[in-house]
């Protein structure tokens, strides 16, 4: 029986706008209706007020305030949009995802698969220079980061942590944005991940051009666990949400990644091939656990390759064509533009 999502189409877009302006406003206009419905799904009273959002950003990520305020202004300065853009205590949401770092002499590779319902994926690859660093990132919530890199050689990726805990904190995508805007190295990023509160459990993998890496297991109800671990899937140390663990095959994927990365014979080509095939590449779109895209970041070189079966999109700080990529889950084609 064909999967119900076989004919699902998603359009990815690579977009460069170094200073936020009309292109970002166009993104807001395109996606705001859907994001507004998501943000209010539990009722407006469940979301924090504007002053609470502003004060949380000022307390935990003050350097990000000018960018936040500029984007709020571009979005029209409305109360609800400004609260949403803070990503402070957003509605909970669950992803899959596999991620791994391969650190070899002279080269660092951060590989990831993003597993999520395609219809809920924004599909924007955004190249910006909002502060002192150039950033290329797959975005979420219009400026948050699912995965990305900056021109100082830092690469980041997030995965759901497989726990039901929800609390006082930020959505991980804005924390990753903060890392790429203001951090250059893994030690700097680790300090941020240890102190900025998150609203849900996430596993954040960070790598830099020097070959350093950590995975931070962050959660709203306990201190961050930051270790020199090169792989992450969808649990934190032990399984706590068994149904999700079984459906997402988090243990199977973690074992596969650990075996690969621990093997000195594994090179970049071997790791990339593994991310393109089961069990790491998943076709379970019916339950929202299928792989929407694969990304391979080479932070020392400032290059990234986004991959779908039969299609690659190569981008970098010195080569970033603006185009559309149409992905049909089952049939895939590329359209320039």
Protein backbone atom coordinates (compact mmCIF):
# COMPACT_ATOMS: atom_id res chain seq x y z
CA UNK A 1 0.00 0.00 0.00
CA UNK A 2 1.53 3.37 -0.96
CA UNK A 3 2.42 5.69 1.89
CA UNK A 4 -0.16 8.42 2.37
CA UNK A 5 2.58 11.07 2.03
CA UNK A 6 4.02 9.77 -1.28
CA UNK A 7 2.52 12.68 -3.22
CA UNK A 8 3.39 15.35 -0.66
CA UNK A 9 5.26 18.23 -2.27
CA UNK A 10 7.49 20.69 -0.43
CA UNK A 11 9.31 23.63 -1.99
CA UNK A 12 12.64 24.57 -0.49
CA UNK A 13 14.06 28.00 -1.18
CA UNK A 14 17.60 29.34 -0.87
CA UNK A 15 17.50 33.05 -0.10
CA UNK A 16 20.24 35.60 0.53
CA UNK A 17 19.55 38.88 2.32
CA UNK A 18 22.50 40.05 4.41
CA UNK A 19 20.50 42.71 6.24
CA UNK A 20 16.90 41.89 7.05
CA UNK A 21 14.59 43.71 4.68
CA UNK A 22 11.92 43.12 2.03
CA UNK A 23 12.89 39.51 1.35
CA UNK A 24 12.49 38.59 5.00
CA UNK A 25 9.19 40.50 5.12
CA UNK A 26 8.03 38.44 2.14
CA UNK A 27 8.85 35.26 4.08
CA UNK A 28 6.81 36.57 6.98
CA UNK A 29 3.85 37.35 4.73
CA UNK A 30 4.04 33.89 3.18
CA UNK A 31 4.18 31.89 6.40
CA UNK A 32 2.55 34.03 9.09
CA UNK A 33 -0.98 32.68 8.65
CA UNK A 34 0.16 29.11 9.30
CA UNK A 35 2.46 30.11 12.14
CA UNK A 36 -0.27 32.19 13.78
CA UNK A 37 -2.64 29.22 13.77
CA UNK A 38 0.06 27.00 15.29
CA UNK A 39 1.00 29.59 17.92
CA UNK A 40 -2.64 29.96 19.04
CA UNK A 41 -3.53 26.27 18.84
CA UNK A 42 -3.67 25.95 22.64
CA UNK A 43 -5.32 29.37 23.09
CA UNK A 44 -3.70 32.78 23.35
CA UNK A 45 -3.66 32.71 27.15
CA UNK A 46 -1.24 29.79 27.03
CA UNK A 47 1.38 31.99 25.36
CA UNK A 48 3.38 34.57 27.33
CA UNK A 49 2.72 38.28 26.92
CA UNK A 50 5.00 40.60 24.98
CA UNK A 51 6.79 42.04 28.01
CA UNK A 52 7.53 38.56 29.35
CA UNK A 53 9.00 37.61 25.97
CA UNK A 54 11.06 40.79 25.73
CA UNK A 55 12.37 40.46 29.28
CA UNK A 56 13.30 36.81 28.76
CA UNK A 57 15.34 37.72 25.69
CA UNK A 58 16.94 40.65 27.50
CA UNK A 59 17.91 38.42 30.41
CA UNK A 60 19.23 35.38 28.55
CA UNK A 61 20.25 36.53 25.04
CA UNK A 62 20.65 40.32 25.21
CA UNK A 63 22.92 40.53 22.17
CA UNK A 64 20.05 39.22 20.05
CA UNK A 65 17.65 42.01 21.04
CA UNK A 66 18.49 44.47 18.22
CA UNK A 67 17.93 41.76 15.60
CA UNK A 68 14.70 40.67 17.27
CA UNK A 69 13.38 44.22 17.42
CA UNK A 70 14.31 44.86 13.79
CA UNK A 71 12.44 41.74 12.69
CA UNK A 72 9.42 42.66 14.80
CA UNK A 73 9.37 46.04 13.09
CA UNK A 74 9.62 44.44 9.64
CA UNK A 75 6.73 42.16 10.60
CA UNK A 76 4.56 45.19 11.31
CA UNK A 77 5.16 45.58 15.04
CA UNK A 78 2.08 43.62 16.05
CA UNK A 79 1.78 42.17 19.54
CA UNK A 80 1.10 38.58 18.52
CA UNK A 81 3.80 38.41 15.85
CA UNK A 82 6.34 39.89 18.25
CA UNK A 83 5.50 37.31 20.89
CA UNK A 84 5.79 34.53 18.33
CA UNK A 85 9.14 35.77 17.03
CA UNK A 86 10.65 35.65 20.52
CA UNK A 87 10.23 31.84 20.49
CA UNK A 88 9.78 32.13 24.25
CA UNK A 89 7.55 29.33 25.56
CA UNK A 90 6.12 28.39 22.16
CA UNK A 91 3.73 25.46 21.77
CA UNK A 92 5.48 22.10 22.18
CA UNK A 93 6.37 20.16 19.06
CA UNK A 94 8.14 16.89 18.32
CA UNK A 95 10.66 16.00 15.63
CA UNK A 96 12.79 12.99 14.84
CA UNK A 97 16.34 13.60 13.56
CA UNK A 98 19.76 11.97 13.50
CA UNK A 99 23.01 13.91 13.68
CA UNK A 100 26.70 13.04 13.85
CA UNK A 101 30.11 14.70 13.74
CA UNK A 102 33.03 13.14 11.91
CA UNK A 103 36.20 14.90 13.03
CA UNK A 104 39.22 13.91 10.98
CA UNK A 105 42.59 15.71 10.64
CA UNK A 106 42.00 18.88 8.66
CA UNK A 107 38.28 18.32 8.19
CA UNK A 108 35.08 18.42 10.22
CA UNK A 109 31.75 17.12 8.95
CA UNK A 110 28.42 17.61 10.71
CA UNK A 111 25.77 15.40 9.11
CA UNK A 112 22.08 15.40 9.93
CA UNK A 113 18.72 14.04 8.82
CA UNK A 114 15.66 16.11 9.70
CA UNK A 115 12.63 13.90 10.30
CA UNK A 116 9.33 15.78 10.49
CA UNK A 117 5.97 16.12 8.68
CA UNK A 118 6.86 17.78 5.34
CA UNK A 119 3.72 19.91 5.41
CA UNK A 120 4.95 21.59 8.60
CA UNK A 121 8.46 22.37 7.35
CA UNK A 122 9.17 25.95 6.29
CA UNK A 123 11.81 24.99 3.73
CA UNK A 124 13.84 28.22 3.80
CA UNK A 125 17.64 28.15 3.56
CA UNK A 126 18.64 31.65 4.60
CA UNK A 127 22.01 33.39 4.14
CA UNK A 128 22.32 36.46 6.38
CA UNK A 129 24.75 38.81 8.06
CA UNK A 130 22.59 40.32 10.75
CA UNK A 131 25.46 40.84 13.18
CA UNK A 132 29.21 40.29 12.79
CA UNK A 133 29.00 36.79 11.31
CA UNK A 134 27.65 35.46 8.07
CA UNK A 135 25.21 32.61 8.67
CA UNK A 136 23.69 29.94 6.43
CA UNK A 137 20.84 28.07 8.09
CA UNK A 138 17.75 25.99 7.49
CA UNK A 139 15.21 28.14 9.28
CA UNK A 140 12.17 27.52 11.44
CA UNK A 141 9.74 30.12 12.78
CA UNK A 142 11.15 32.58 10.22
CA UNK A 143 14.51 33.17 11.91
CA UNK A 144 15.14 30.23 14.20
CA UNK A 145 17.68 27.60 13.15
CA UNK A 146 17.17 23.86 12.69
CA UNK A 147 20.77 23.45 11.54
CA UNK A 148 23.36 25.80 10.12
CA UNK A 149 26.86 27.25 10.20
CA UNK A 150 28.62 30.60 10.42
CA UNK A 151 31.69 31.96 8.68
CA UNK A 152 33.82 31.52 11.81
CA UNK A 153 33.61 27.74 11.42
CA UNK A 154 30.82 26.82 13.84
CA UNK A 155 28.10 24.34 12.81
CA UNK A 156 25.01 23.37 14.82
CA UNK A 157 22.08 20.95 14.60
CA UNK A 158 19.11 20.08 16.81
CA UNK A 159 17.13 16.93 17.52
CA UNK A 160 14.16 16.31 19.80
CA UNK A 161 15.27 14.83 23.13
CA UNK A 162 12.51 12.24 23.48
CA UNK A 163 11.01 13.51 26.74
CA UNK A 164 7.56 14.92 27.53
CA UNK A 165 8.79 17.62 29.92
CA UNK A 166 7.67 21.16 29.02
CA UNK A 167 8.68 24.23 31.02
CA UNK A 168 9.85 27.83 31.13
CA UNK A 169 12.30 28.53 28.34
CA UNK A 170 12.92 29.10 24.64
CA UNK A 171 12.36 26.99 21.59
CA UNK A 172 15.69 25.49 20.56
CA UNK A 173 15.71 27.16 17.10
CA UNK A 174 16.25 30.61 18.59
CA UNK A 175 19.00 29.25 20.85
CA UNK A 176 20.76 27.88 17.77
CA UNK A 177 20.32 31.25 16.05
CA UNK A 178 22.00 32.87 19.06
CA UNK A 179 24.91 30.43 18.83
CA UNK A 180 25.54 31.14 15.16
CA UNK A 181 25.20 34.90 15.55
CA UNK A 182 27.56 35.28 18.51
CA UNK A 183 29.77 32.19 18.99
CA UNK A 184 32.90 31.13 17.11
CA UNK A 185 33.93 27.91 18.85
CA UNK A 186 32.50 24.85 20.57
CA UNK A 187 33.60 26.02 24.07
CA UNK A 188 31.76 29.32 23.56
CA UNK A 189 28.65 27.51 22.35
CA UNK A 190 28.78 25.07 25.27
CA UNK A 191 28.71 27.96 27.73
CA UNK A 192 25.56 29.32 26.11
CA UNK A 193 23.86 25.92 26.05
CA UNK A 194 24.58 25.48 29.74
CA UNK A 195 22.80 28.70 30.74
CA UNK A 196 19.97 29.53 28.30
CA UNK A 197 16.72 27.81 29.35
CA UNK A 198 14.79 25.63 26.92
CA UNK A 199 11.06 24.87 26.94
CA UNK A 200 11.51 21.23 25.87
CA UNK A 201 14.13 18.50 25.75
CA UNK A 202 16.53 18.80 22.82
CA UNK A 203 19.85 17.30 21.81
CA UNK A 204 22.07 19.98 20.30
CA UNK A 205 25.20 18.88 18.46
CA UNK A 206 27.87 21.52 17.84
CA UNK A 207 31.12 21.24 15.88
CA UNK A 208 33.80 23.72 14.83
CA UNK A 209 36.54 24.07 12.26
CA UNK A 210 39.18 22.99 14.79
CA UNK A 211 37.58 19.55 15.07
CA UNK A 212 36.01 20.11 18.49
CA UNK A 213 32.48 18.89 19.13
CA UNK A 214 29.92 18.36 21.89
CA UNK A 215 26.36 17.19 22.21
CA UNK A 216 24.31 19.13 24.74
CA UNK A 217 21.27 17.37 26.17
CA UNK A 218 19.12 20.25 27.36
CA UNK A 219 15.75 20.18 29.10
CA UNK A 220 13.48 22.49 31.13
CA UNK A 221 13.54 20.38 34.30
CA UNK A 222 17.23 19.60 34.81
CA UNK A 223 20.70 20.94 34.15
CA UNK A 224 22.18 20.58 30.70
CA UNK A 225 24.42 17.57 30.14
CA UNK A 226 27.22 18.64 27.79
CA UNK A 227 29.61 15.91 26.74
CA UNK A 228 32.13 15.21 24.02
CA UNK A 229 29.77 12.88 22.21
CA UNK A 230 29.66 12.99 18.38
CA UNK A 231 26.21 11.48 17.78
CA UNK A 232 22.63 12.21 18.83
CA UNK A 233 19.20 10.86 18.01
CA UNK A 234 15.98 11.18 20.03
CA UNK A 235 16.63 10.20 23.62
CA UNK A 236 18.72 11.55 26.48
CA UNK A 237 20.95 8.94 28.16
CA UNK A 238 18.05 6.55 28.72
CA UNK A 239 14.63 5.98 27.20
CA UNK A 240 11.81 7.81 29.00
CA UNK A 241 9.10 7.97 26.34
CA UNK A 242 8.91 4.41 25.11
CA UNK A 243 6.22 4.86 22.44
CA UNK A 244 8.18 7.63 20.74
CA UNK A 245 11.43 5.70 21.05
CA UNK A 246 9.90 2.68 19.33
CA UNK A 247 8.23 4.68 16.57
CA UNK A 248 11.34 6.77 15.84
CA UNK A 249 13.81 3.86 16.21
CA UNK A 250 16.07 6.18 18.17
CA UNK A 251 18.21 3.39 19.68
CA UNK A 252 18.74 1.67 16.33
CA UNK A 253 19.84 4.93 14.73
CA UNK A 254 22.11 5.85 17.62
CA UNK A 255 23.85 2.49 17.48
CA UNK A 256 24.35 2.77 13.73
CA UNK A 257 25.89 6.22 14.11
CA UNK A 258 28.11 5.22 17.02
CA UNK A 259 29.52 2.24 15.12
CA UNK A 260 30.25 4.39 12.10
CA UNK A 261 31.87 7.31 13.89
CA UNK A 262 33.94 5.08 16.20
CA UNK A 263 35.39 3.19 13.23
CA UNK A 264 38.64 4.85 12.15
CA UNK A 265 38.03 3.56 8.63
CA UNK A 266 34.90 5.70 8.29
CA UNK A 267 35.46 8.67 6.03
CA UNK A 268 33.10 11.42 4.93
CA UNK A 269 31.83 9.45 1.94
CA UNK A 270 30.93 6.47 4.10
CA UNK A 271 29.10 8.58 6.67
CA UNK A 272 27.22 10.46 3.97
CA UNK A 273 26.15 7.20 2.35
CA UNK A 274 24.79 5.98 5.68
CA UNK A 275 22.67 9.11 6.09
CA UNK A 276 21.12 8.48 2.68
CA UNK A 277 19.92 4.97 3.54
CA UNK A 278 17.83 3.24 6.23
CA UNK A 279 17.79 3.16 9.18
CA UNK A 280 19.05 6.77 9.25
CA UNK A 281 17.01 7.87 6.24
CA UNK A 282 13.38 7.22 7.14
CA UNK A 283 10.32 6.91 4.91
CA UNK A 284 7.70 6.98 7.69
CA UNK A 285 5.90 10.12 6.46
CA UNK A 286 2.51 8.80 7.55
CA UNK A 287 3.45 9.24 11.21
CA UNK A 288 5.41 12.42 10.63
CA UNK A 289 8.75 10.68 11.12
CA UNK A 290 10.02 10.62 7.53
CA UNK A 291 13.25 12.35 6.51
CA UNK A 292 12.46 15.74 4.99
CA UNK A 293 16.06 16.61 4.07
CA UNK A 294 19.66 15.66 4.77
CA UNK A 295 22.41 18.22 5.39
CA UNK A 296 26.19 17.87 5.36
CA UNK A 297 28.03 20.85 6.86
CA UNK A 298 31.77 21.41 6.39
CA UNK A 299 32.33 24.41 8.67
CA UNK A 300 36.07 24.76 8.01
CA UNK A 301 35.32 25.19 4.31
CA UNK A 302 32.13 27.21 4.69
CA UNK A 303 30.21 24.72 2.56
CA UNK A 304 27.00 22.74 2.98
CA UNK A 305 25.27 20.15 0.83
CA UNK A 306 21.53 19.61 1.21
CA UNK A 307 20.45 16.24 -0.10
CA UNK A 308 17.27 14.52 -1.22
CA UNK A 309 17.25 11.18 -3.07
CA UNK A 310 18.50 11.93 -6.56
CA UNK A 311 19.18 15.60 -5.82
CA UNK A 312 21.93 17.65 -4.18
CA UNK A 313 22.03 21.39 -3.53
CA UNK A 314 25.55 22.70 -2.84
CA UNK A 315 25.82 26.07 -1.13
CA UNK A 316 28.52 28.08 0.61
CA UNK A 317 29.51 31.54 1.74
CA UNK A 318 31.22 32.12 -1.61
CA UNK A 319 28.56 30.36 -3.72
CA UNK A 320 24.91 30.83 -2.81
CA UNK A 321 22.56 30.94 -5.80
CA UNK A 322 18.96 31.79 -5.02
CA UNK A 323 16.69 29.06 -6.32
CA UNK A 324 13.73 26.84 -5.60
CA UNK A 325 13.98 23.11 -5.03
CA UNK A 326 10.75 21.16 -5.42
CA UNK A 327 10.73 17.90 -3.48
CA UNK A 328 7.98 15.39 -4.11
CA UNK A 329 8.26 12.57 -1.61
CA UNK A 330 8.45 9.74 -4.09
CA UNK A 331 9.22 11.90 -7.15
CA UNK A 332 11.82 14.67 -6.96
CA UNK A 333 12.84 17.37 -9.38
CA UNK A 334 14.77 20.60 -9.24
CA UNK A 335 13.64 23.91 -10.63
CA UNK A 336 16.01 26.84 -10.98
CA UNK A 337 14.82 30.33 -10.18
